[in-house]
Amino acid sequence: MSAITYDPRYPIGKFIKPTSYSPREIHEWIQILEELPRNIKNAVTGLNDSQLDTPYREGGWTVRQVVHHVADSHINCYCRIKLTLTEENPAIRPYIEGRWAEMEEAKSAPVDISLNIIESIHKRMVMTLRNVTIEDLDRLYYHPENKLTNPLKVLIALYAWHSLHHTAHITELRKRMGW
């Protein structure tokens, strides 16, 4: 029997595509999306620039880059949701997130800029998702990078996980560092 080891890359575990999508689960995932702006803001509150520029793990992004990544990623998520709801099986636009995170503004801009983006985009995202029908949840989008077609409900589950995943990068670092 092998021991389970903690992997700081995946503090809540890797995303596993759900096998069920009950109304209760959909509601819970939307609730996680609604709570992200407050949770990620709380995770960085009180951190100074030196702490914000600390990688959450060896070889990983800094806290600052994580916050800017969440804004970048969730802007893309919102666009993907809207495309899925308004077009027939749209091909979404992938992006190279690692390159985005290495851009100078992602490494140096104040986190408040992205916290404001996250707050605004999530208000719109949650408002949109709270008005989808059961049929809308089964609308499909195509991801050309992984060559998969998935329904909107998978995207909701994925970004709920993504919200918890990156918030945990920050909160787990704070625990380890005693911040």
N, C-alpha and C. Protein backbone atom coordinates (compact mmCIF):
# COMPACT_ATOMS: atom_id res chain seq x y z
N MET A 1 0.86 -1.18 0.00
CA MET A 1 0.00 0.00 0.00
C MET A 1 0.90 1.24 0.00
N SER A 2 0.60 2.18 -0.86
CA SER A 2 1.41 3.39 -0.91
C SER A 2 0.75 4.49 -0.10
N ALA A 3 1.59 5.32 0.48
CA ALA A 3 1.09 6.43 1.29
C ALA A 3 0.59 7.54 0.37
N ILE A 4 -0.46 8.19 0.78
CA ILE A 4 -0.99 9.33 0.04
C ILE A 4 -0.11 10.53 0.38
N THR A 5 0.39 11.19 -0.65
CA THR A 5 1.23 12.35 -0.42
C THR A 5 0.50 13.60 -0.87
N TYR A 6 0.79 14.68 -0.20
CA TYR A 6 0.19 15.97 -0.53
C TYR A 6 0.92 16.56 -1.73
N ASP A 7 0.18 17.01 -2.72
CA ASP A 7 0.75 17.64 -3.91
C ASP A 7 0.32 19.10 -3.92
N PRO A 8 1.24 20.04 -3.66
CA PRO A 8 0.85 21.45 -3.60
C PRO A 8 0.31 22.00 -4.91
N ARG A 9 0.55 21.29 -6.03
CA ARG A 9 -0.03 21.74 -7.30
C ARG A 9 -1.55 21.57 -7.29
N TYR A 10 -2.02 20.58 -6.54
CA TYR A 10 -3.45 20.25 -6.50
C TYR A 10 -3.92 20.11 -5.05
N PRO A 11 -4.01 21.23 -4.35
CA PRO A 11 -4.33 21.17 -2.92
C PRO A 11 -5.71 20.58 -2.61
N ILE A 12 -6.62 20.60 -3.59
CA ILE A 12 -7.93 19.98 -3.37
C ILE A 12 -8.11 18.76 -4.27
N GLY A 13 -7.02 18.34 -4.90
CA GLY A 13 -7.08 17.22 -5.84
C GLY A 13 -7.31 17.72 -7.25
N LYS A 14 -7.04 16.84 -8.22
CA LYS A 14 -7.27 17.19 -9.63
C LYS A 14 -8.76 17.18 -9.93
N PHE A 15 -9.13 17.95 -10.94
CA PHE A 15 -10.53 17.97 -11.38
C PHE A 15 -10.92 16.60 -11.90
N ILE A 16 -12.03 16.11 -11.41
CA ILE A 16 -12.61 14.87 -11.90
C ILE A 16 -13.99 15.21 -12.42
N LYS A 17 -14.20 14.90 -13.69
CA LYS A 17 -15.48 15.20 -14.32
C LYS A 17 -16.58 14.46 -13.55
N PRO A 18 -17.59 15.20 -13.07
CA PRO A 18 -18.67 14.56 -12.31
C PRO A 18 -19.41 13.51 -13.13
N THR A 19 -19.98 12.58 -12.41
CA THR A 19 -20.81 11.56 -13.07
C THR A 19 -22.29 11.90 -12.94
N SER A 20 -22.61 12.85 -12.07
CA SER A 20 -24.00 13.29 -11.94
C SER A 20 -24.05 14.81 -11.90
N TYR A 21 -25.18 15.33 -12.31
CA TYR A 21 -25.38 16.78 -12.40
C TYR A 21 -26.78 17.11 -11.90
N SER A 22 -27.02 16.83 -10.65
CA SER A 22 -28.34 17.08 -10.09
C SER A 22 -28.56 18.59 -9.95
N PRO A 23 -29.80 19.02 -9.86
CA PRO A 23 -30.05 20.44 -9.62
C PRO A 23 -29.33 20.95 -8.36
N ARG A 24 -29.26 20.12 -7.34
CA ARG A 24 -28.57 20.50 -6.11
C ARG A 24 -27.08 20.73 -6.37
N GLU A 25 -26.45 19.83 -7.15
CA GLU A 25 -25.03 19.99 -7.45
C GLU A 25 -24.78 21.23 -8.30
N ILE A 26 -25.61 21.45 -9.30
CA ILE A 26 -25.49 22.65 -10.13
C ILE A 26 -25.59 23.89 -9.26
N HIS A 27 -26.58 23.90 -8.36
CA HIS A 27 -26.76 25.04 -7.45
C HIS A 27 -25.51 25.24 -6.59
N GLU A 28 -24.95 24.16 -6.07
CA GLU A 28 -23.74 24.26 -5.23
C GLU A 28 -22.56 24.82 -6.02
N TRP A 29 -22.41 24.39 -7.28
CA TRP A 29 -21.30 24.90 -8.09
C TRP A 29 -21.48 26.37 -8.40
N ILE A 30 -22.71 26.77 -8.68
CA ILE A 30 -22.96 28.20 -8.92
C ILE A 30 -22.71 29.00 -7.65
N GLN A 31 -23.05 28.43 -6.51
CA GLN A 31 -22.79 29.09 -5.23
C GLN A 31 -21.29 29.29 -5.02
N ILE A 32 -20.49 28.30 -5.37
CA ILE A 32 -19.03 28.42 -5.27
C ILE A 32 -18.54 29.56 -6.16
N LEU A 33 -19.09 29.64 -7.37
CA LEU A 33 -18.72 30.73 -8.29
C LEU A 33 -19.12 32.08 -7.71
N GLU A 34 -20.27 32.13 -7.06
CA GLU A 34 -20.71 33.39 -6.45
C GLU A 34 -19.80 33.80 -5.29
N GLU A 35 -19.29 32.83 -4.55
CA GLU A 35 -18.47 33.11 -3.38
C GLU A 35 -17.00 33.37 -3.70
N LEU A 36 -16.57 33.02 -4.91
CA LEU A 36 -15.14 33.19 -5.24
C LEU A 36 -14.63 34.61 -5.00
N PRO A 37 -15.29 35.66 -5.48
CA PRO A 37 -14.71 36.99 -5.27
C PRO A 37 -14.40 37.29 -3.80
N ARG A 38 -15.33 36.95 -2.92
CA ARG A 38 -15.10 37.19 -1.49
C ARG A 38 -13.99 36.27 -0.96
N ASN A 39 -14.01 35.01 -1.37
CA ASN A 39 -13.03 34.05 -0.85
C ASN A 39 -11.61 34.37 -1.29
N ILE A 40 -11.43 34.73 -2.54
CA ILE A 40 -10.07 35.02 -3.00
C ILE A 40 -9.58 36.35 -2.44
N LYS A 41 -10.50 37.29 -2.28
CA LYS A 41 -10.11 38.57 -1.65
C LYS A 41 -9.69 38.32 -0.21
N ASN A 42 -10.46 37.51 0.52
CA ASN A 42 -10.08 37.18 1.90
C ASN A 42 -8.75 36.46 1.94
N ALA A 43 -8.48 35.63 0.96
CA ALA A 43 -7.23 34.86 0.93
C ALA A 43 -6.00 35.76 0.80
N VAL A 44 -6.14 36.91 0.13
CA VAL A 44 -4.98 37.79 -0.06
C VAL A 44 -4.99 39.01 0.87
N THR A 45 -6.08 39.22 1.60
CA THR A 45 -6.17 40.38 2.47
C THR A 45 -5.03 40.35 3.50
N GLY A 46 -4.37 41.48 3.62
CA GLY A 46 -3.30 41.62 4.60
C GLY A 46 -1.93 41.19 4.11
N LEU A 47 -1.84 40.65 2.91
CA LEU A 47 -0.53 40.26 2.39
C LEU A 47 0.20 41.48 1.83
N ASN A 48 1.49 41.56 2.13
CA ASN A 48 2.30 42.64 1.59
C ASN A 48 2.88 42.23 0.23
N ASP A 49 3.57 43.15 -0.43
CA ASP A 49 4.09 42.86 -1.76
C ASP A 49 5.05 41.67 -1.76
N SER A 50 5.86 41.56 -0.74
CA SER A 50 6.79 40.44 -0.67
C SER A 50 6.03 39.11 -0.60
N GLN A 51 4.98 39.08 0.19
CA GLN A 51 4.16 37.87 0.31
C GLN A 51 3.41 37.59 -1.00
N LEU A 52 2.88 38.64 -1.62
CA LEU A 52 2.18 38.47 -2.90
C LEU A 52 3.12 37.95 -3.99
N ASP A 53 4.41 38.23 -3.84
CA ASP A 53 5.40 37.80 -4.82
C ASP A 53 6.08 36.49 -4.44
N THR A 54 5.48 35.77 -3.50
CA THR A 54 5.98 34.46 -3.09
C THR A 54 5.25 33.38 -3.88
N PRO A 55 6.00 32.45 -4.48
CA PRO A 55 5.35 31.35 -5.19
C PRO A 55 4.59 30.45 -4.19
N TYR A 56 3.44 29.96 -4.61
CA TYR A 56 2.65 29.10 -3.73
C TYR A 56 3.30 27.72 -3.57
N ARG A 57 4.22 27.39 -4.47
CA ARG A 57 5.02 26.16 -4.38
C ARG A 57 6.30 26.39 -5.16
N GLU A 58 7.30 25.57 -4.95
CA GLU A 58 8.55 25.67 -5.69
C GLU A 58 8.26 25.51 -7.18
N GLY A 59 8.72 26.49 -7.97
CA GLY A 59 8.50 26.45 -9.40
C GLY A 59 7.11 26.90 -9.83
N GLY A 60 6.29 27.30 -8.89
CA GLY A 60 4.92 27.72 -9.21
C GLY A 60 4.79 29.22 -9.34
N TRP A 61 3.59 29.63 -9.67
CA TRP A 61 3.29 31.05 -9.79
C TRP A 61 3.31 31.70 -8.41
N THR A 62 3.52 33.01 -8.42
CA THR A 62 3.39 33.77 -7.18
C THR A 62 1.91 33.94 -6.86
N VAL A 63 1.63 34.35 -5.64
CA VAL A 63 0.25 34.64 -5.25
C VAL A 63 -0.33 35.68 -6.20
N ARG A 64 0.44 36.69 -6.51
CA ARG A 64 0.00 37.76 -7.42
C ARG A 64 -0.39 37.17 -8.78
N GLN A 65 0.46 36.29 -9.32
CA GLN A 65 0.17 35.68 -10.61
C GLN A 65 -1.07 34.80 -10.54
N VAL A 66 -1.28 34.12 -9.41
CA VAL A 66 -2.47 33.29 -9.25
C VAL A 66 -3.73 34.16 -9.33
N VAL A 67 -3.73 35.28 -8.63
CA VAL A 67 -4.90 36.16 -8.65
C VAL A 67 -5.16 36.68 -10.06
N HIS A 68 -4.11 37.12 -10.74
CA HIS A 68 -4.29 37.61 -12.11
C HIS A 68 -4.72 36.48 -13.05
N HIS A 69 -4.20 35.27 -12.82
CA HIS A 69 -4.61 34.12 -13.62
C HIS A 69 -6.10 33.84 -13.45
N VAL A 70 -6.58 33.90 -12.23
CA VAL A 70 -8.01 33.63 -11.99
C VAL A 70 -8.85 34.64 -12.76
N ALA A 71 -8.46 35.90 -12.74
CA ALA A 71 -9.21 36.91 -13.51
C ALA A 71 -9.17 36.57 -15.01
N ASP A 72 -7.97 36.28 -15.53
CA ASP A 72 -7.85 35.94 -16.95
C ASP A 72 -8.70 34.72 -17.30
N SER A 73 -8.58 33.69 -16.50
CA SER A 73 -9.27 32.44 -16.78
C SER A 73 -10.79 32.60 -16.71
N HIS A 74 -11.26 33.34 -15.72
CA HIS A 74 -12.70 33.46 -15.53
C HIS A 74 -13.34 34.44 -16.51
N ILE A 75 -12.54 35.37 -17.04
CA ILE A 75 -13.03 36.16 -18.18
C ILE A 75 -13.30 35.21 -19.35
N ASN A 76 -12.34 34.32 -19.60
CA ASN A 76 -12.52 33.33 -20.67
C ASN A 76 -13.69 32.41 -20.37
N CYS A 77 -13.85 32.01 -19.13
CA CYS A 77 -14.99 31.15 -18.75
C CYS A 77 -16.31 31.84 -19.07
N TYR A 78 -16.43 33.09 -18.69
CA TYR A 78 -17.66 33.83 -18.95
C TYR A 78 -17.96 33.89 -20.45
N CYS A 79 -16.94 34.16 -21.24
CA CYS A 79 -17.13 34.18 -22.70
C CYS A 79 -17.55 32.80 -23.21
N ARG A 80 -16.97 31.76 -22.66
CA ARG A 80 -17.32 30.39 -23.06
C ARG A 80 -18.77 30.07 -22.71
N ILE A 81 -19.21 30.52 -21.55
CA ILE A 81 -20.60 30.31 -21.15
C ILE A 81 -21.54 31.01 -22.14
N LYS A 82 -21.24 32.27 -22.42
CA LYS A 82 -22.10 33.04 -23.32
C LYS A 82 -22.10 32.44 -24.72
N LEU A 83 -20.94 32.00 -25.21
CA LEU A 83 -20.89 31.37 -26.53
C LEU A 83 -21.74 30.10 -26.55
N THR A 84 -21.61 29.30 -25.51
CA THR A 84 -22.36 28.05 -25.44
C THR A 84 -23.85 28.29 -25.41
N LEU A 85 -24.27 29.35 -24.75
CA LEU A 85 -25.70 29.65 -24.65
C LEU A 85 -26.27 30.32 -25.89
N THR A 86 -25.41 30.88 -26.73
CA THR A 86 -25.93 31.66 -27.85
C THR A 86 -25.59 31.10 -29.23
N GLU A 87 -24.73 30.07 -29.28
CA GLU A 87 -24.34 29.48 -30.56
C GLU A 87 -24.51 27.97 -30.48
N GLU A 88 -24.55 27.34 -31.63
CA GLU A 88 -24.67 25.88 -31.69
C GLU A 88 -23.28 25.25 -31.68
N ASN A 89 -22.98 24.53 -30.59
CA ASN A 89 -21.72 23.81 -30.44
C ASN A 89 -20.51 24.67 -30.84
N PRO A 90 -20.35 25.83 -30.21
CA PRO A 90 -19.23 26.70 -30.60
C PRO A 90 -17.88 26.10 -30.23
N ALA A 91 -16.90 26.39 -31.03
CA ALA A 91 -15.52 26.07 -30.67
C ALA A 91 -15.02 27.22 -29.82
N ILE A 92 -14.64 26.92 -28.60
CA ILE A 92 -14.13 27.97 -27.72
C ILE A 92 -12.68 28.27 -28.07
N ARG A 93 -12.22 29.40 -27.63
CA ARG A 93 -10.85 29.83 -27.93
C ARG A 93 -9.94 29.47 -26.77
N PRO A 94 -9.03 28.51 -26.98
CA PRO A 94 -8.06 28.23 -25.92
C PRO A 94 -7.03 29.37 -25.83
N TYR A 95 -6.30 29.41 -24.75
CA TYR A 95 -5.22 30.38 -24.61
C TYR A 95 -4.11 29.71 -23.80
N ILE A 96 -2.91 30.21 -23.95
CA ILE A 96 -1.76 29.61 -23.27
C ILE A 96 -1.59 30.32 -21.92
N GLU A 97 -2.25 29.77 -20.90
CA GLU A 97 -2.32 30.45 -19.61
C GLU A 97 -0.94 30.71 -19.00
N GLY A 98 -0.01 29.83 -19.20
CA GLY A 98 1.34 30.04 -18.66
C GLY A 98 2.01 31.27 -19.22
N ARG A 99 1.79 31.53 -20.50
CA ARG A 99 2.36 32.74 -21.11
C ARG A 99 1.66 33.99 -20.60
N TRP A 100 0.35 33.88 -20.39
CA TRP A 100 -0.38 35.03 -19.84
C TRP A 100 0.17 35.36 -18.45
N ALA A 101 0.43 34.33 -17.66
CA ALA A 101 0.91 34.53 -16.29
C ALA A 101 2.33 35.10 -16.25
N GLU A 102 3.08 34.94 -17.33
CA GLU A 102 4.45 35.45 -17.38
C GLU A 102 4.53 36.87 -17.95
N MET A 103 3.42 37.42 -18.38
CA MET A 103 3.44 38.80 -18.87
C MET A 103 3.71 39.73 -17.70
N GLU A 104 4.37 40.85 -17.98
CA GLU A 104 4.82 41.74 -16.91
C GLU A 104 3.67 42.20 -16.01
N GLU A 105 2.51 42.52 -16.60
CA GLU A 105 1.41 43.00 -15.76
C GLU A 105 0.93 41.91 -14.81
N ALA A 106 1.01 40.65 -15.22
CA ALA A 106 0.58 39.55 -14.33
C ALA A 106 1.57 39.33 -13.20
N LYS A 107 2.82 39.75 -13.42
CA LYS A 107 3.85 39.58 -12.39
C LYS A 107 4.00 40.80 -11.50
N SER A 108 3.41 41.94 -11.90
CA SER A 108 3.68 43.15 -11.12
C SER A 108 2.46 44.02 -10.79
N ALA A 109 1.36 43.85 -11.48
CA ALA A 109 0.20 44.73 -11.25
C ALA A 109 -0.41 44.48 -9.88
N PRO A 110 -0.97 45.51 -9.28
CA PRO A 110 -1.65 45.31 -8.00
C PRO A 110 -2.78 44.29 -8.14
N VAL A 111 -2.94 43.44 -7.13
CA VAL A 111 -3.98 42.41 -7.21
C VAL A 111 -5.38 43.00 -7.18
N ASP A 112 -5.54 44.19 -6.63
CA ASP A 112 -6.87 44.81 -6.58
C ASP A 112 -7.50 44.94 -7.96
N ILE A 113 -6.68 45.16 -8.97
CA ILE A 113 -7.20 45.27 -10.34
C ILE A 113 -7.94 43.99 -10.71
N SER A 114 -7.29 42.85 -10.48
CA SER A 114 -7.92 41.58 -10.83
C SER A 114 -9.02 41.18 -9.86
N LEU A 115 -8.90 41.56 -8.60
CA LEU A 115 -9.98 41.29 -7.65
C LEU A 115 -11.26 41.98 -8.11
N ASN A 116 -11.12 43.21 -8.62
CA ASN A 116 -12.29 43.94 -9.14
C ASN A 116 -12.86 43.26 -10.38
N ILE A 117 -12.00 42.77 -11.25
CA ILE A 117 -12.46 42.04 -12.44
C ILE A 117 -13.22 40.79 -12.01
N ILE A 118 -12.63 40.04 -11.08
CA ILE A 118 -13.26 38.80 -10.61
C ILE A 118 -14.63 39.10 -10.01
N GLU A 119 -14.71 40.13 -9.21
CA GLU A 119 -16.00 40.48 -8.61
C GLU A 119 -17.04 40.81 -9.68
N SER A 120 -16.67 41.61 -10.64
CA SER A 120 -17.62 42.02 -11.68
C SER A 120 -17.99 40.86 -12.59
N ILE A 121 -17.01 40.11 -13.06
CA ILE A 121 -17.30 39.04 -14.00
C ILE A 121 -18.14 37.96 -13.32
N HIS A 122 -17.91 37.73 -12.04
CA HIS A 122 -18.70 36.71 -11.34
C HIS A 122 -20.13 37.15 -11.07
N LYS A 123 -20.34 38.43 -10.88
CA LYS A 123 -21.72 38.91 -10.77
C LYS A 123 -22.48 38.60 -12.05
N ARG A 124 -21.85 38.90 -13.19
CA ARG A 124 -22.49 38.62 -14.49
C ARG A 124 -22.62 37.12 -14.71
N MET A 125 -21.57 36.37 -14.41
CA MET A 125 -21.58 34.93 -14.63
C MET A 125 -22.69 34.26 -13.82
N VAL A 126 -22.77 34.59 -12.55
CA VAL A 126 -23.78 33.97 -11.68
C VAL A 126 -25.18 34.39 -12.12
N MET A 127 -25.35 35.65 -12.48
CA MET A 127 -26.66 36.10 -12.97
C MET A 127 -27.06 35.29 -14.20
N THR A 128 -26.12 35.09 -15.09
CA THR A 128 -26.40 34.29 -16.30
C THR A 128 -26.75 32.87 -15.93
N LEU A 129 -25.93 32.24 -15.10
CA LEU A 129 -26.12 30.83 -14.77
C LEU A 129 -27.39 30.58 -13.96
N ARG A 130 -27.81 31.54 -13.16
CA ARG A 130 -29.04 31.36 -12.39
C ARG A 130 -30.28 31.42 -13.27
N ASN A 131 -30.10 31.84 -14.51
CA ASN A 131 -31.23 31.93 -15.43
C ASN A 131 -31.21 30.88 -16.53
N VAL A 132 -30.30 29.91 -16.44
CA VAL A 132 -30.28 28.87 -17.47
C VAL A 132 -31.36 27.83 -17.17
N THR A 133 -31.81 27.18 -18.23
CA THR A 133 -32.79 26.11 -18.09
C THR A 133 -32.07 24.76 -18.02
N ILE A 134 -32.82 23.73 -17.70
CA ILE A 134 -32.28 22.38 -17.70
C ILE A 134 -31.73 22.06 -19.09
N GLU A 135 -32.44 22.48 -20.12
CA GLU A 135 -32.00 22.24 -21.50
C GLU A 135 -30.70 22.99 -21.80
N ASP A 136 -30.58 24.21 -21.26
CA ASP A 136 -29.36 25.00 -21.46
C ASP A 136 -28.13 24.29 -20.90
N LEU A 137 -28.30 23.59 -19.79
CA LEU A 137 -27.18 22.90 -19.16
C LEU A 137 -26.59 21.82 -20.06
N ASP A 138 -27.39 21.34 -21.00
CA ASP A 138 -26.93 20.31 -21.93
C ASP A 138 -26.43 20.88 -23.26
N ARG A 139 -26.44 22.21 -23.40
CA ARG A 139 -25.89 22.82 -24.62
C ARG A 139 -24.40 22.52 -24.67
N LEU A 140 -23.91 22.29 -25.87
CA LEU A 140 -22.54 21.81 -26.05
C LEU A 140 -21.59 22.90 -26.53
N TYR A 141 -20.33 22.74 -26.14
CA TYR A 141 -19.24 23.54 -26.69
C TYR A 141 -18.10 22.58 -27.04
N TYR A 142 -17.24 23.01 -27.94
CA TYR A 142 -16.12 22.19 -28.38
C TYR A 142 -14.82 22.87 -27.99
N HIS A 143 -13.94 22.10 -27.35
CA HIS A 143 -12.63 22.61 -26.96
C HIS A 143 -11.60 22.06 -27.94
N PRO A 144 -11.09 22.88 -28.86
CA PRO A 144 -10.19 22.37 -29.90
C PRO A 144 -8.84 21.87 -29.38
N GLU A 145 -8.42 22.35 -28.22
CA GLU A 145 -7.12 21.93 -27.69
C GLU A 145 -7.15 20.46 -27.25
N ASN A 146 -8.22 20.07 -26.52
CA ASN A 146 -8.32 18.67 -26.08
C ASN A 146 -9.27 17.86 -26.96
N LYS A 147 -9.82 18.52 -27.97
CA LYS A 147 -10.70 17.86 -28.95
C LYS A 147 -11.91 17.17 -28.29
N LEU A 148 -12.46 17.83 -27.28
CA LEU A 148 -13.62 17.29 -26.58
C LEU A 148 -14.81 18.21 -26.73
N THR A 149 -15.98 17.60 -26.84
CA THR A 149 -17.24 18.32 -26.80
C THR A 149 -17.86 18.01 -25.44
N ASN A 150 -18.26 19.06 -24.73
CA ASN A 150 -18.86 18.91 -23.40
C ASN A 150 -20.09 19.79 -23.27
N PRO A 151 -20.99 19.43 -22.39
CA PRO A 151 -22.13 20.30 -22.10
C PRO A 151 -21.73 21.41 -21.13
N LEU A 152 -22.53 22.45 -21.12
CA LEU A 152 -22.31 23.59 -20.24
C LEU A 152 -22.14 23.16 -18.79
N LYS A 153 -22.88 22.16 -18.34
CA LYS A 153 -22.81 21.75 -16.94
C LYS A 153 -21.40 21.29 -16.55
N VAL A 154 -20.64 20.76 -17.48
CA VAL A 154 -19.25 20.38 -17.19
C VAL A 154 -18.41 21.63 -16.96
N LEU A 155 -18.63 22.65 -17.76
CA LEU A 155 -17.91 23.91 -17.61
C LEU A 155 -18.20 24.53 -16.23
N ILE A 156 -19.44 24.46 -15.79
CA ILE A 156 -19.80 24.99 -14.47
C ILE A 156 -19.05 24.24 -13.38
N ALA A 157 -19.05 22.92 -13.46
CA ALA A 157 -18.34 22.10 -12.47
C ALA A 157 -16.84 22.39 -12.50
N LEU A 158 -16.27 22.49 -13.69
CA LEU A 158 -14.84 22.75 -13.83
C LEU A 158 -14.44 24.07 -13.20
N TYR A 159 -15.20 25.12 -13.46
CA TYR A 159 -14.81 26.42 -12.92
C TYR A 159 -15.14 26.58 -11.44
N ALA A 160 -16.08 25.82 -10.94
CA ALA A 160 -16.27 25.77 -9.48
C ALA A 160 -15.02 25.15 -8.85
N TRP A 161 -14.57 24.03 -9.43
CA TRP A 161 -13.33 23.40 -8.94
C TRP A 161 -12.17 24.39 -9.07
N HIS A 162 -12.05 25.06 -10.21
CA HIS A 162 -10.96 26.00 -10.46
C HIS A 162 -10.95 27.11 -9.41
N SER A 163 -12.13 27.56 -9.02
CA SER A 163 -12.24 28.59 -8.00
C SER A 163 -11.67 28.12 -6.67
N LEU A 164 -12.06 26.92 -6.26
CA LEU A 164 -11.57 26.36 -5.00
C LEU A 164 -10.08 26.02 -5.09
N HIS A 165 -9.66 25.50 -6.22
CA HIS A 165 -8.28 25.08 -6.47
C HIS A 165 -7.30 26.23 -6.26
N HIS A 166 -7.55 27.36 -6.93
CA HIS A 166 -6.60 28.47 -6.83
C HIS A 166 -6.72 29.23 -5.50
N THR A 167 -7.90 29.28 -4.94
CA THR A 167 -8.01 29.89 -3.62
C THR A 167 -7.21 29.06 -2.62
N ALA A 168 -7.27 27.74 -2.75
CA ALA A 168 -6.51 26.86 -1.86
C ALA A 168 -5.00 27.01 -2.06
N HIS A 169 -4.55 27.32 -3.26
CA HIS A 169 -3.12 27.59 -3.44
C HIS A 169 -2.67 28.68 -2.49
N ILE A 170 -3.48 29.71 -2.39
CA ILE A 170 -3.13 30.86 -1.55
C ILE A 170 -3.30 30.53 -0.07
N THR A 171 -4.43 29.96 0.30
CA THR A 171 -4.68 29.70 1.72
C THR A 171 -3.74 28.64 2.28
N GLU A 172 -3.38 27.65 1.47
CA GLU A 172 -2.43 26.62 1.94
C GLU A 172 -1.03 27.22 2.10
N LEU A 173 -0.63 28.11 1.19
CA LEU A 173 0.65 28.80 1.35
C LEU A 173 0.66 29.60 2.64
N ARG A 174 -0.42 30.32 2.90
CA ARG A 174 -0.51 31.12 4.13
C ARG A 174 -0.36 30.23 5.35
N LYS A 175 -1.00 29.07 5.34
CA LYS A 175 -0.87 28.15 6.46
C LYS A 175 0.58 27.70 6.64
N ARG A 176 1.19 27.28 5.54
CA ARG A 176 2.58 26.80 5.60
C ARG A 176 3.53 27.87 6.09
N MET A 177 3.29 29.12 5.67
CA MET A 177 4.20 30.21 6.01
C MET A 177 3.82 30.89 7.33
N GLY A 178 2.68 30.55 7.88
CA GLY A 178 2.24 31.18 9.14
C GLY A 178 1.84 32.63 8.97
N TRP A 179 1.29 32.95 7.79
CA TRP A 179 0.86 34.34 7.53
C TRP A 179 -0.54 34.55 8.03
